[in-house]
Amino acid sequence: MTTQKEGELEQRKAEELKREFRYWWGTLSRDDILSLAAKRDELLLLLNEKYGYAHHEAEEEIERALRGLDTGVKAGKP
């Protein structure tokens, strides 16, 4: 996947996540949500820097971690 397409996909995912946050937590402000989105971007960069994950691998790890929060399962490599 090209960097431009990855960026477009990331933008769509971010917009979807913002909508979900607004649905679930309506009292969160736009600034609150943007702050969270920025932190996710920081986490993506850290996973790349510290673990050498490609962008899509970092995304998958974050998603797995979030699913783990829902189920009580810790994220990590199998």
Protein backbone atom coordinates (compact mmCIF):
# COMPACT_ATOMS: atom_id res chain seq x y z
CA MET A 1 0.00 0.00 0.00
CA THR A 2 1.34 3.43 -0.82
CA THR A 3 2.02 6.02 1.82
CA GLN A 4 -0.74 8.24 0.42
CA LYS A 5 -3.27 5.40 0.57
CA GLU A 6 -2.14 4.52 4.10
CA GLY A 7 -2.66 8.15 5.07
CA GLU A 8 -6.14 8.19 3.55
CA LEU A 9 -7.05 4.95 5.30
CA GLU A 10 -5.73 6.30 8.61
CA GLN A 11 -7.80 9.46 8.15
CA ARG A 12 -10.97 7.43 7.52
CA LYS A 13 -10.27 5.29 10.58
CA ALA A 14 -9.68 8.40 12.68
CA GLU A 15 -12.97 9.93 11.54
CA GLU A 16 -14.82 6.70 12.31
CA LEU A 17 -13.22 6.54 15.75
CA LYS A 18 -14.22 10.15 16.46
CA ARG A 19 -17.83 9.37 15.53
CA GLU A 20 -17.80 6.31 17.80
CA PHE A 21 -16.38 8.36 20.67
CA ARG A 22 -19.08 10.99 20.21
CA TYR A 23 -21.74 8.29 20.15
CA TRP A 24 -20.52 6.53 23.29
CA TRP A 25 -19.26 9.53 25.21
CA GLY A 26 -21.29 12.51 24.08
CA THR A 27 -19.85 14.84 26.70
CA LEU A 28 -16.37 14.61 25.19
CA SER A 29 -15.53 17.82 23.40
CA ARG A 30 -14.04 18.02 19.93
CA ASP A 31 -10.76 19.09 21.58
CA ASP A 32 -10.85 16.04 23.85
CA ILE A 33 -11.27 13.76 20.87
CA LEU A 34 -8.56 15.50 18.84
CA SER A 35 -6.20 15.15 21.79
CA LEU A 36 -6.88 11.42 21.91
CA ALA A 37 -6.32 11.12 18.17
CA ALA A 38 -2.96 12.89 18.52
CA LYS A 39 -1.96 10.46 21.25
CA ARG A 40 -2.81 7.53 19.00
CA ASP A 41 -0.54 9.00 16.34
CA GLU A 42 2.19 9.33 18.96
CA LEU A 43 1.69 5.69 19.92
CA LEU A 44 1.96 4.62 16.28
CA LEU A 45 5.25 6.47 15.99
CA LEU A 46 6.57 4.96 19.22
CA LEU A 47 5.66 1.43 18.14
CA ASN A 48 7.51 2.05 14.89
CA GLU A 49 10.53 3.52 16.64
CA LYS A 50 10.81 1.09 19.55
CA TYR A 51 9.63 -2.15 17.91
CA GLY A 52 10.20 -1.52 14.21
CA TYR A 53 6.53 -2.08 13.36
CA ALA A 54 5.33 -0.91 9.97
CA HIS A 55 2.36 1.45 10.13
CA HIS A 56 -0.19 -1.31 9.50
CA GLU A 57 1.47 -3.58 12.08
CA ALA A 58 1.31 -0.85 14.70
CA GLU A 59 -2.37 -0.30 13.87
CA GLU A 60 -3.05 -4.01 14.30
CA GLU A 61 -1.26 -4.07 17.66
CA ILE A 62 -3.24 -1.08 18.90
CA GLU A 63 -6.50 -2.68 17.78
CA ARG A 64 -5.52 -5.93 19.48
CA ALA A 65 -4.70 -4.05 22.67
CA LEU A 66 -8.06 -2.28 22.57
CA ARG A 67 -9.87 -5.58 22.04
CA GLY A 68 -7.90 -6.96 24.98
CA LEU A 69 -9.19 -4.16 27.17
CA ASP A 70 -12.72 -5.19 26.26
CA THR A 71 -12.10 -8.86 26.99
CA GLY A 72 -9.48 -8.64 29.73
CA VAL A 73 -6.85 -10.32 27.52
CA LYS A 74 -3.40 -8.74 27.45
CA ALA A 75 -2.05 -7.71 24.06
CA GLY A 76 1.27 -8.89 22.76
CA LYS A 77 2.84 -11.16 20.24
CA PRO A 78 1.47 -14.72 20.28
